[in-house]
Amino acid sequence: MKKWLIVLAGVLMSFTLAACGSKSVATTDGGKITESAYYSSLKSTSSGKQVLQQMILNKVLEKQYGDKVKKSEVTSEFNTYKKQYGSSFNAVLQQNGMTVSQLKDSIRSNLLLKAAVKDNIKITDAQLKDQFKSYQPKVTVNQILVSKKSTAETVIKQLKDGKSFSNLAKKYSTDTATKNKGGRIAAFDNTNTTLDANFKKAAFNLKNGQYTKTPVKTQYGYQVIQMVNHPAKGTYKDHESELKSQIVDKKMADSNTLHSVVSKVLKKGNVTIQDKDLQNVLSDYLSSSSKKK
């Protein structure tokens, strides 16, 4: 299955090609390049076909699920990425060849596809129960990051002696973003992909008020973690909406599910390709032999 150009880390190519215009795209002392020549050249390439696929998919998704994706959702996800990369945000955009507008378009495309996946899969109680096994509600923790294990052990010894976690964070932590905030980081659950796996595992094992009694080795160094708020997990019924969302996110990473959903969306969209050279651009999704879930 060819990947749709909706991955946030990739380049979302969003532009419009004129059908068969004679207007120049570029001029040189050796002659000019017209829109029609550019179009003819681009449409024969795999990247050009992928752009057309994406543009068609965006149109039908917007028609079928546009009312299910609010502008505030796009803004929220955009702000999450912006906060995650901080001062490096603009540089990351440039490295990926994207503008702010293109990133927002990409986020919206992703949310539209997620709405389509949610609408076209059936989630059973068995799946909810299975997802609940790894589920963790959002927890709030403080942490102290150091480079040496011996330093982390010193911090833990002082915590045992009754020293303030906040004061120790200011004194020892090398994490400049949190050391003056008592080591506080943003709340996270089991779906978080930015934190180290060892860090999350250690944190989820703590109860309110507890701290790790041994240094936690992570990709960043050694960390000491203090649990501030660890909500009760409850039963899977208490978190049905969150569990469904997590299952949908998993399905978004499954190529067979995406193929099946995209096929249904495109067939429902009554797509017609006018250019005879591009008649088969959606054949993988519209043919009777397309994969089915």
C-alpha atoms as a PDB file:
ATOM      1  CA  MET A   1       0.000   0.000   0.000  1.00  0.00           C
ATOM      2  CA  LYS A   2       1.349   3.395  -0.955  1.00  0.00           C
ATOM      3  CA  LYS A   3       1.599   5.686   2.030  1.00  0.00           C
ATOM      4  CA  TRP A   4      -0.722   8.657   2.044  1.00  0.00           C
ATOM      5  CA  LEU A   5       1.046  11.950   2.523  1.00  0.00           C
ATOM      6  CA  ILE A   6      -0.577  12.698   5.859  1.00  0.00           C
ATOM      7  CA  VAL A   7       2.251  11.846   8.206  1.00  0.00           C
ATOM      8  CA  LEU A   8       3.107  14.880  10.288  1.00  0.00           C
ATOM      9  CA  ALA A   9       6.830  14.222  10.059  1.00  0.00           C
ATOM     10  CA  GLY A  10       6.635  14.213   6.260  1.00  0.00           C
ATOM     11  CA  VAL A  11       6.101  16.911   3.718  1.00  0.00           C
ATOM     12  CA  LEU A  12       2.517  17.774   2.886  1.00  0.00           C
ATOM     13  CA  MET A  13       2.644  18.989  -0.688  1.00  0.00           C
ATOM     14  CA  SER A  14      -0.386  21.218  -1.104  1.00  0.00           C
ATOM     15  CA  PHE A  15      -0.565  23.049  -4.394  1.00  0.00           C
ATOM     16  CA  THR A  16      -2.914  23.283  -7.374  1.00  0.00           C
ATOM     17  CA  LEU A  17      -1.927  22.488 -10.939  1.00  0.00           C
ATOM     18  CA  ALA A  18      -3.560  24.161 -13.900  1.00  0.00           C
ATOM     19  CA  ALA A  19      -5.114  21.650 -16.289  1.00  0.00           C
ATOM     20  CA  CYS A  20      -3.361  22.447 -19.560  1.00  0.00           C
ATOM     21  CA  GLY A  21      -2.315  26.079 -19.395  1.00  0.00           C
ATOM     22  CA  SER A  22       0.289  27.783 -21.534  1.00  0.00           C
ATOM     23  CA  LYS A  23       1.250  30.163 -18.727  1.00  0.00           C
ATOM     24  CA  SER A  24       4.921  29.970 -17.847  1.00  0.00           C
ATOM     25  CA  VAL A  25       6.014  28.369 -14.612  1.00  0.00           C
ATOM     26  CA  ALA A  26       9.613  29.383 -15.265  1.00  0.00           C
ATOM     27  CA  THR A  27      11.628  31.017 -18.022  1.00  0.00           C
ATOM     28  CA  THR A  28      15.248  30.507 -18.991  1.00  0.00           C
ATOM     29  CA  ASP A  29      17.530  31.736 -21.760  1.00  0.00           C
ATOM     30  CA  GLY A  30      16.950  28.315 -23.273  1.00  0.00           C
ATOM     31  CA  GLY A  31      13.179  28.650 -23.323  1.00  0.00           C
ATOM     32  CA  LYS A  32      10.188  28.577 -20.978  1.00  0.00           C
ATOM     33  CA  ILE A  33       8.505  25.837 -18.952  1.00  0.00           C
ATOM     34  CA  THR A  34       4.729  25.996 -19.259  1.00  0.00           C
ATOM     35  CA  GLU A  35       2.099  24.801 -16.805  1.00  0.00           C
ATOM     36  CA  SER A  36       1.011  22.107 -19.233  1.00  0.00           C
ATOM     37  CA  ALA A  37       4.565  20.828 -19.671  1.00  0.00           C
ATOM     38  CA  TYR A  38       5.122  20.852 -15.925  1.00  0.00           C
ATOM     39  CA  TYR A  39       1.829  19.061 -15.323  1.00  0.00           C
ATOM     40  CA  SER A  40       2.576  16.415 -17.970  1.00  0.00           C
ATOM     41  CA  SER A  41       5.973  15.760 -16.455  1.00  0.00           C
ATOM     42  CA  LEU A  42       4.803  15.669 -12.855  1.00  0.00           C
ATOM     43  CA  LYS A  43       1.791  13.423 -13.384  1.00  0.00           C
ATOM     44  CA  SER A  44       3.984  10.607 -14.655  1.00  0.00           C
ATOM     45  CA  THR A  45       5.986  10.471 -11.430  1.00  0.00           C
ATOM     46  CA  SER A  46       5.062   8.504  -8.314  1.00  0.00           C
ATOM     47  CA  SER A  47       5.280  11.639  -6.155  1.00  0.00           C
ATOM     48  CA  GLY A  48       2.960  13.500  -8.516  1.00  0.00           C
ATOM     49  CA  LYS A  49       0.435  10.674  -8.343  1.00  0.00           C
ATOM     50  CA  GLN A  50       0.652  10.616  -4.562  1.00  0.00           C
ATOM     51  CA  VAL A  51      -0.082  14.340  -4.451  1.00  0.00           C
ATOM     52  CA  LEU A  52      -3.196  13.773  -6.579  1.00  0.00           C
ATOM     53  CA  GLN A  53      -4.256  10.857  -4.354  1.00  0.00           C
ATOM     54  CA  GLN A  54      -3.874  13.036  -1.273  1.00  0.00           C
ATOM     55  CA  MET A  55      -5.775  15.950  -2.809  1.00  0.00           C
ATOM     56  CA  ILE A  56      -8.656  13.652  -3.802  1.00  0.00           C
ATOM     57  CA  LEU A  57      -8.711  12.000  -0.382  1.00  0.00           C
ATOM     58  CA  ASN A  58      -8.741  15.377   1.366  1.00  0.00           C
ATOM     59  CA  LYS A  59     -11.736  16.476  -0.733  1.00  0.00           C
ATOM     60  CA  VAL A  60     -13.852  13.416   0.024  1.00  0.00           C
ATOM     61  CA  LEU A  61     -12.843  13.319   3.700  1.00  0.00           C
ATOM     62  CA  GLU A  62     -13.759  16.980   4.081  1.00  0.00           C
ATOM     63  CA  LYS A  63     -17.147  16.331   2.489  1.00  0.00           C
ATOM     64  CA  GLN A  64     -17.920  13.265   4.609  1.00  0.00           C
ATOM     65  CA  TYR A  65     -16.304  14.162   7.937  1.00  0.00           C
ATOM     66  CA  GLY A  66     -15.589  17.900   7.864  1.00  0.00           C
ATOM     67  CA  ASP A  67     -18.279  18.630  10.448  1.00  0.00           C
ATOM     68  CA  LYS A  68     -16.663  16.176  12.876  1.00  0.00           C
ATOM     69  CA  VAL A  69     -13.316  17.976  13.063  1.00  0.00           C
ATOM     70  CA  LYS A  70     -13.427  21.326  14.837  1.00  0.00           C
ATOM     71  CA  LYS A  71     -10.951  24.117  14.226  1.00  0.00           C
ATOM     72  CA  SER A  72     -10.191  24.087  17.955  1.00  0.00           C
ATOM     73  CA  GLU A  73      -8.982  20.455  17.684  1.00  0.00           C
ATOM     74  CA  VAL A  74      -6.528  21.405  14.953  1.00  0.00           C
ATOM     75  CA  THR A  75      -5.336  24.387  16.989  1.00  0.00           C
ATOM     76  CA  SER A  76      -4.916  22.226  20.098  1.00  0.00           C
ATOM     77  CA  GLU A  77      -2.759  19.650  18.284  1.00  0.00           C
ATOM     78  CA  PHE A  78      -0.778  22.394  16.576  1.00  0.00           C
ATOM     79  CA  ASN A  79      -0.055  24.040  19.950  1.00  0.00           C
ATOM     80  CA  THR A  80       1.022  20.663  21.347  1.00  0.00           C
ATOM     81  CA  TYR A  81       3.634  20.298  18.612  1.00  0.00           C
ATOM     82  CA  LYS A  82       4.713  23.908  19.038  1.00  0.00           C
ATOM     83  CA  LYS A  83       5.149  23.453  22.785  1.00  0.00           C
ATOM     84  CA  GLN A  84       6.945  20.132  22.318  1.00  0.00           C
ATOM     85  CA  TYR A  85       9.635  21.630  20.080  1.00  0.00           C
ATOM     86  CA  GLY A  86       9.798  25.003  21.831  1.00  0.00           C
ATOM     87  CA  SER A  87      12.376  27.366  20.336  1.00  0.00           C
ATOM     88  CA  SER A  88      13.275  24.705  17.736  1.00  0.00           C
ATOM     89  CA  PHE A  89       9.752  24.631  16.263  1.00  0.00           C
ATOM     90  CA  ASN A  90      10.436  26.865  13.243  1.00  0.00           C
ATOM     91  CA  ALA A  91      13.679  25.034  12.507  1.00  0.00           C
ATOM     92  CA  VAL A  92      11.876  21.665  12.580  1.00  0.00           C
ATOM     93  CA  LEU A  93       9.262  23.016  10.160  1.00  0.00           C
ATOM     94  CA  GLN A  94      11.981  24.193   7.794  1.00  0.00           C
ATOM     95  CA  GLN A  95      13.817  20.870   7.993  1.00  0.00           C
ATOM     96  CA  ASN A  96      10.627  19.121   6.910  1.00  0.00           C
ATOM     97  CA  GLY A  97       9.913  21.649   4.174  1.00  0.00           C
ATOM     98  CA  MET A  98       6.673  22.763   5.799  1.00  0.00           C
ATOM     99  CA  THR A  99       4.995  26.050   6.646  1.00  0.00           C
ATOM    100  CA  VAL A 100       2.687  26.665   9.603  1.00  0.00           C
ATOM    101  CA  SER A 101      -0.283  26.558   7.237  1.00  0.00           C
ATOM    102  CA  GLN A 102       0.831  23.232   5.740  1.00  0.00           C
ATOM    103  CA  LEU A 103       1.317  21.711   9.186  1.00  0.00           C
ATOM    104  CA  LYS A 104      -2.213  22.748  10.175  1.00  0.00           C
ATOM    105  CA  ASP A 105      -3.533  21.269   6.905  1.00  0.00           C
ATOM    106  CA  SER A 106      -1.658  18.060   7.677  1.00  0.00           C
ATOM    107  CA  ILE A 107      -3.086  17.908  11.199  1.00  0.00           C
ATOM    108  CA  ARG A 108      -6.606  18.440   9.853  1.00  0.00           C
ATOM    109  CA  SER A 109      -6.099  15.699   7.227  1.00  0.00           C
ATOM    110  CA  ASN A 110      -4.975  13.338   9.957  1.00  0.00           C
ATOM    111  CA  LEU A 111      -7.968  14.163  12.168  1.00  0.00           C
ATOM    112  CA  LEU A 112     -10.362  13.704   9.230  1.00  0.00           C
ATOM    113  CA  LEU A 113      -8.890  10.290   8.498  1.00  0.00           C
ATOM    114  CA  LYS A 114      -9.128   9.400  12.184  1.00  0.00           C
ATOM    115  CA  ALA A 115     -12.830  10.315  12.110  1.00  0.00           C
ATOM    116  CA  ALA A 116     -13.253   8.041   9.084  1.00  0.00           C
ATOM    117  CA  VAL A 117     -11.452   5.166  10.808  1.00  0.00           C
ATOM    118  CA  LYS A 118     -13.594   5.594  13.921  1.00  0.00           C
ATOM    119  CA  ASP A 119     -16.733   5.554  11.779  1.00  0.00           C
ATOM    120  CA  ASN A 120     -15.743   2.438   9.842  1.00  0.00           C
ATOM    121  CA  ILE A 121     -14.497   0.051  12.519  1.00  0.00           C
ATOM    122  CA  LYS A 122     -16.379  -1.853  15.174  1.00  0.00           C
ATOM    123  CA  ILE A 123     -14.897  -1.835  18.684  1.00  0.00           C
ATOM    124  CA  THR A 124     -15.914  -4.772  20.875  1.00  0.00           C
ATOM    125  CA  ASP A 125     -15.939  -5.167  24.654  1.00  0.00           C
ATOM    126  CA  ALA A 126     -13.132  -7.702  24.272  1.00  0.00           C
ATOM    127  CA  GLN A 127     -10.984  -5.070  22.550  1.00  0.00           C
ATOM    128  CA  LEU A 128     -11.795  -2.505  25.257  1.00  0.00           C
ATOM    129  CA  LYS A 129     -10.806  -4.958  27.994  1.00  0.00           C
ATOM    130  CA  ASP A 130      -7.573  -5.806  26.206  1.00  0.00           C
ATOM    131  CA  GLN A 131      -6.684  -2.126  25.759  1.00  0.00           C
ATOM    132  CA  PHE A 132      -7.465  -1.516  29.439  1.00  0.00           C
ATOM    133  CA  LYS A 133      -4.601  -3.837  30.427  1.00  0.00           C
ATOM    134  CA  SER A 134      -2.052  -1.252  29.281  1.00  0.00           C
ATOM    135  CA  TYR A 135      -4.210   1.782  30.076  1.00  0.00           C
ATOM    136  CA  GLN A 136      -3.020   4.354  32.591  1.00  0.00           C
ATOM    137  CA  PRO A 137      -4.927   7.536  33.428  1.00  0.00           C
ATOM    138  CA  LYS A 138      -2.995  10.795  33.146  1.00  0.00           C
ATOM    139  CA  VAL A 139      -0.548  11.170  36.013  1.00  0.00           C
ATOM    140  CA  THR A 140       1.303  14.244  37.268  1.00  0.00           C
ATOM    141  CA  VAL A 141       4.876  13.865  38.473  1.00  0.00           C
ATOM    142  CA  ASN A 142       7.937  15.841  39.439  1.00  0.00           C
ATOM    143  CA  GLN A 143      11.363  14.676  38.294  1.00  0.00           C
ATOM    144  CA  ILE A 144      15.034  15.406  38.816  1.00  0.00           C
ATOM    145  CA  LEU A 145      17.405  14.636  35.945  1.00  0.00           C
ATOM    146  CA  VAL A 146      21.133  14.113  36.574  1.00  0.00           C
ATOM    147  CA  SER A 147      23.965  12.663  34.510  1.00  0.00           C
ATOM    148  CA  LYS A 148      25.476  10.326  37.133  1.00  0.00           C
ATOM    149  CA  LYS A 149      23.908   7.458  39.049  1.00  0.00           C
ATOM    150  CA  SER A 150      25.810   8.482  42.183  1.00  0.00           C
ATOM    151  CA  THR A 151      24.227  11.948  42.035  1.00  0.00           C
ATOM    152  CA  ALA A 152      20.752  10.407  41.749  1.00  0.00           C
ATOM    153  CA  GLU A 153      21.537   8.234  44.780  1.00  0.00           C
ATOM    154  CA  THR A 154      22.576  11.354  46.703  1.00  0.00           C
ATOM    155  CA  VAL A 155      19.255  12.989  45.823  1.00  0.00           C
ATOM    156  CA  ILE A 156      17.310   9.921  46.991  1.00  0.00           C
ATOM    157  CA  LYS A 157      19.266   9.797  50.278  1.00  0.00           C
ATOM    158  CA  GLN A 158      18.421  13.460  50.943  1.00  0.00           C
ATOM    159  CA  LEU A 159      14.756  12.793  50.160  1.00  0.00           C
ATOM    160  CA  LYS A 160      14.830  10.015  52.770  1.00  0.00           C
ATOM    161  CA  ASP A 161      16.290  12.538  55.197  1.00  0.00           C
ATOM    162  CA  GLY A 162      13.257  14.738  54.649  1.00  0.00           C
ATOM    163  CA  LYS A 163      14.667  17.286  52.193  1.00  0.00           C
ATOM    164  CA  SER A 164      12.249  19.076  49.842  1.00  0.00           C
ATOM    165  CA  PHE A 165      11.942  17.591  46.354  1.00  0.00           C
ATOM    166  CA  SER A 166      11.473  21.090  44.955  1.00  0.00           C
ATOM    167  CA  ASN A 167      14.668  22.383  46.577  1.00  0.00           C
ATOM    168  CA  LEU A 168      16.619  19.338  45.419  1.00  0.00           C
ATOM    169  CA  ALA A 169      15.353  19.853  41.877  1.00  0.00           C
ATOM    170  CA  LYS A 170      16.681  23.414  41.886  1.00  0.00           C
ATOM    171  CA  LYS A 171      20.020  22.249  43.274  1.00  0.00           C
ATOM    172  CA  TYR A 172      20.699  19.103  41.239  1.00  0.00           C
ATOM    173  CA  SER A 173      18.485  18.822  38.144  1.00  0.00           C
ATOM    174  CA  THR A 174      20.071  19.425  34.753  1.00  0.00           C
ATOM    175  CA  ASP A 175      16.636  19.861  33.148  1.00  0.00           C
ATOM    176  CA  THR A 176      16.565  23.636  32.796  1.00  0.00           C
ATOM    177  CA  ALA A 177      12.917  23.614  31.675  1.00  0.00           C
ATOM    178  CA  THR A 178      11.626  22.118  34.953  1.00  0.00           C
ATOM    179  CA  LYS A 179      14.241  22.530  37.707  1.00  0.00           C
ATOM    180  CA  ASN A 180      12.797  25.854  38.872  1.00  0.00           C
ATOM    181  CA  LYS A 181       9.266  24.425  38.821  1.00  0.00           C
ATOM    182  CA  GLY A 182      10.001  21.705  41.348  1.00  0.00           C
ATOM    183  CA  GLY A 183      10.698  19.300  38.495  1.00  0.00           C
ATOM    184  CA  ARG A 184       7.063  19.355  37.334  1.00  0.00           C
ATOM    185  CA  ILE A 185       6.366  18.031  33.837  1.00  0.00           C
ATOM    186  CA  ALA A 186       3.123  17.936  31.849  1.00  0.00           C
ATOM    187  CA  ALA A 187       0.632  15.212  32.807  1.00  0.00           C
ATOM    188  CA  PHE A 188       0.901  12.058  30.686  1.00  0.00           C
ATOM    189  CA  ASP A 189      -0.784   8.675  30.181  1.00  0.00           C
ATOM    190  CA  ASN A 190       0.182   5.358  28.604  1.00  0.00           C
ATOM    191  CA  THR A 191      -0.079   6.759  25.063  1.00  0.00           C
ATOM    192  CA  ASN A 192       2.719   9.289  25.553  1.00  0.00           C
ATOM    193  CA  THR A 193       5.508   8.699  23.031  1.00  0.00           C
ATOM    194  CA  THR A 194       7.915  11.472  24.034  1.00  0.00           C
ATOM    195  CA  LEU A 195       8.892  10.153  27.457  1.00  0.00           C
ATOM    196  CA  ASP A 196      11.361   7.307  27.980  1.00  0.00           C
ATOM    197  CA  ALA A 197       9.692   3.894  28.451  1.00  0.00           C
ATOM    198  CA  ASN A 198      11.628   3.225  31.676  1.00  0.00           C
ATOM    199  CA  PHE A 199      10.544   6.596  33.014  1.00  0.00           C
ATOM    200  CA  LYS A 200       6.867   5.888  32.345  1.00  0.00           C
ATOM    201  CA  LYS A 201       7.031   2.388  33.825  1.00  0.00           C
ATOM    202  CA  ALA A 202       8.635   3.652  37.022  1.00  0.00           C
ATOM    203  CA  ALA A 203       6.169   6.527  37.320  1.00  0.00           C
ATOM    204  CA  PHE A 204       3.069   4.368  36.844  1.00  0.00           C
ATOM    205  CA  ASN A 205       4.227   2.124  39.708  1.00  0.00           C
ATOM    206  CA  LEU A 206       4.213   5.008  42.185  1.00  0.00           C
ATOM    207  CA  LYS A 207       1.363   6.025  44.463  1.00  0.00           C
ATOM    208  CA  ASN A 208       0.593   9.603  45.453  1.00  0.00           C
ATOM    209  CA  GLY A 209       3.444  11.098  47.473  1.00  0.00           C
ATOM    210  CA  GLN A 210       5.890   8.286  46.705  1.00  0.00           C
ATOM    211  CA  TYR A 211       9.219   8.721  44.935  1.00  0.00           C
ATOM    212  CA  THR A 212      11.527   6.219  43.235  1.00  0.00           C
ATOM    213  CA  LYS A 213      13.846   4.590  45.790  1.00  0.00           C
ATOM    214  CA  THR A 214      16.474   3.754  43.152  1.00  0.00           C
ATOM    215  CA  PRO A 215      17.719   5.856  40.205  1.00  0.00           C
ATOM    216  CA  VAL A 216      15.756   5.361  36.975  1.00  0.00           C
ATOM    217  CA  LYS A 217      18.095   4.905  33.999  1.00  0.00           C
ATOM    218  CA  THR A 218      16.717   6.595  30.882  1.00  0.00           C
ATOM    219  CA  GLN A 219      18.062   7.746  27.539  1.00  0.00           C
ATOM    220  CA  TYR A 220      18.665  11.173  29.091  1.00  0.00           C
ATOM    221  CA  GLY A 221      20.626  10.080  32.153  1.00  0.00           C
ATOM    222  CA  TYR A 222      19.358   9.137  35.624  1.00  0.00           C
ATOM    223  CA  GLN A 223      16.055  10.376  36.975  1.00  0.00           C
ATOM    224  CA  VAL A 224      14.344  10.528  40.337  1.00  0.00           C
ATOM    225  CA  ILE A 225      10.555  10.677  40.088  1.00  0.00           C
ATOM    226  CA  GLN A 226       7.959  11.855  42.616  1.00  0.00           C
ATOM    227  CA  MET A 227       4.271  11.090  42.110  1.00  0.00           C
ATOM    228  CA  VAL A 228       2.019  14.108  42.606  1.00  0.00           C
ATOM    229  CA  ASN A 229      -1.308  12.770  41.361  1.00  0.00           C
ATOM    230  CA  HIS A 230      -2.038   9.202  40.276  1.00  0.00           C
ATOM    231  CA  PRO A 231      -5.815   8.848  39.730  1.00  0.00           C
ATOM    232  CA  ALA A 232      -7.453   5.503  40.464  1.00  0.00           C
ATOM    233  CA  LYS A 233      -7.585   3.340  37.330  1.00  0.00           C
ATOM    234  CA  GLY A 234     -11.126   2.120  37.983  1.00  0.00           C
ATOM    235  CA  THR A 235     -12.714  -0.267  35.489  1.00  0.00           C
ATOM    236  CA  TYR A 236     -12.652  -0.304  31.701  1.00  0.00           C
ATOM    237  CA  LYS A 237     -16.225   0.997  31.699  1.00  0.00           C
ATOM    238  CA  ASP A 238     -15.044   4.150  33.478  1.00  0.00           C
ATOM    239  CA  HIS A 239     -12.739   4.992  30.585  1.00  0.00           C
ATOM    240  CA  GLU A 240     -14.648   3.666  27.585  1.00  0.00           C
ATOM    241  CA  SER A 241     -14.290   6.865  25.542  1.00  0.00           C
ATOM    242  CA  GLU A 242     -10.532   7.121  26.148  1.00  0.00           C
ATOM    243  CA  LEU A 243     -10.016   3.423  25.398  1.00  0.00           C
ATOM    244  CA  LYS A 244     -11.921   3.713  22.119  1.00  0.00           C
ATOM    245  CA  SER A 245      -9.759   6.679  21.133  1.00  0.00           C
ATOM    246  CA  GLN A 246      -6.594   4.699  21.911  1.00  0.00           C
ATOM    247  CA  ILE A 247      -7.831   1.756  19.843  1.00  0.00           C
ATOM    248  CA  VAL A 248      -8.590   4.084  16.926  1.00  0.00           C
ATOM    249  CA  ASP A 249      -5.056   5.515  17.220  1.00  0.00           C
ATOM    250  CA  LYS A 250      -3.672   1.974  16.967  1.00  0.00           C
ATOM    251  CA  LYS A 251      -5.814   1.317  13.902  1.00  0.00           C
ATOM    252  CA  MET A 252      -4.414   4.501  12.349  1.00  0.00           C
ATOM    253  CA  ALA A 253      -1.019   2.781  12.333  1.00  0.00           C
ATOM    254  CA  ASP A 254      -2.351  -0.403  10.716  1.00  0.00           C
ATOM    255  CA  SER A 255      -1.941  -0.389   6.914  1.00  0.00           C
ATOM    256  CA  ASN A 256      -4.700  -2.964   6.280  1.00  0.00           C
ATOM    257  CA  THR A 257      -7.233  -0.963   8.275  1.00  0.00           C
ATOM    258  CA  LEU A 258      -6.261   2.275   6.529  1.00  0.00           C
ATOM    259  CA  HIS A 259      -6.490   0.612   3.111  1.00  0.00           C
ATOM    260  CA  SER A 260      -9.954  -0.669   3.879  1.00  0.00           C
ATOM    261  CA  VAL A 261     -11.219   2.639   5.282  1.00  0.00           C
ATOM    262  CA  VAL A 262      -9.726   4.753   2.489  1.00  0.00           C
ATOM    263  CA  SER A 263     -11.292   2.428  -0.101  1.00  0.00           C
ATOM    264  CA  LYS A 264     -14.733   2.866   1.491  1.00  0.00           C
ATOM    265  CA  VAL A 265     -14.343   6.640   1.722  1.00  0.00           C
ATOM    266  CA  LEU A 266     -13.226   6.987  -1.909  1.00  0.00           C
ATOM    267  CA  LYS A 267     -15.980   4.711  -3.240  1.00  0.00           C
ATOM    268  CA  LYS A 268     -18.555   6.730  -1.331  1.00  0.00           C
ATOM    269  CA  GLY A 269     -17.036   9.932  -2.741  1.00  0.00           C
ATOM    270  CA  ASN A 270     -17.940   9.090  -6.370  1.00  0.00           C
ATOM    271  CA  VAL A 271     -14.490  10.027  -7.653  1.00  0.00           C
ATOM    272  CA  THR A 272     -14.055  10.448 -11.412  1.00  0.00           C
ATOM    273  CA  ILE A 273     -10.642  10.929 -13.019  1.00  0.00           C
ATOM    274  CA  GLN A 274     -10.857  13.000 -16.213  1.00  0.00           C
ATOM    275  CA  ASP A 275      -7.212  12.686 -17.305  1.00  0.00           C
ATOM    276  CA  LYS A 276      -6.894   9.394 -19.198  1.00  0.00           C
ATOM    277  CA  ASP A 277      -3.235   9.069 -18.178  1.00  0.00           C
ATOM    278  CA  LEU A 278      -4.277   9.068 -14.509  1.00  0.00           C
ATOM    279  CA  GLN A 279      -7.285   6.759 -14.784  1.00  0.00           C
ATOM    280  CA  ASN A 280      -5.630   4.138 -12.577  1.00  0.00           C
ATOM    281  CA  VAL A 281      -4.267   6.465  -9.901  1.00  0.00           C
ATOM    282  CA  LEU A 282      -6.789   5.071  -7.384  1.00  0.00           C
ATOM    283  CA  SER A 283      -6.943   1.509  -8.696  1.00  0.00           C
ATOM    284  CA  ASP A 284      -5.393   0.099  -5.518  1.00  0.00           C
ATOM    285  CA  TYR A 285      -8.396   1.414  -3.606  1.00  0.00           C
ATOM    286  CA  LEU A 286     -11.306   1.336  -6.031  1.00  0.00           C
ATOM    287  CA  SER A 287     -10.819  -2.010  -7.748  1.00  0.00           C
ATOM    288  CA  SER A 288     -12.983  -4.970  -6.728  1.00  0.00           C
ATOM    289  CA  SER A 289      -9.843  -6.798  -5.637  1.00  0.00           C
ATOM    290  CA  SER A 290      -8.863  -4.126  -3.085  1.00  0.00           C
ATOM    291  CA  LYS A 291      -8.032  -5.497   0.346  1.00  0.00           C
ATOM    292  CA  LYS A 292     -10.920  -5.726   2.738  1.00  0.00           C
ATOM    293  CA  LYS A 293     -10.749  -5.712   6.493  1.00  0.00           C
END
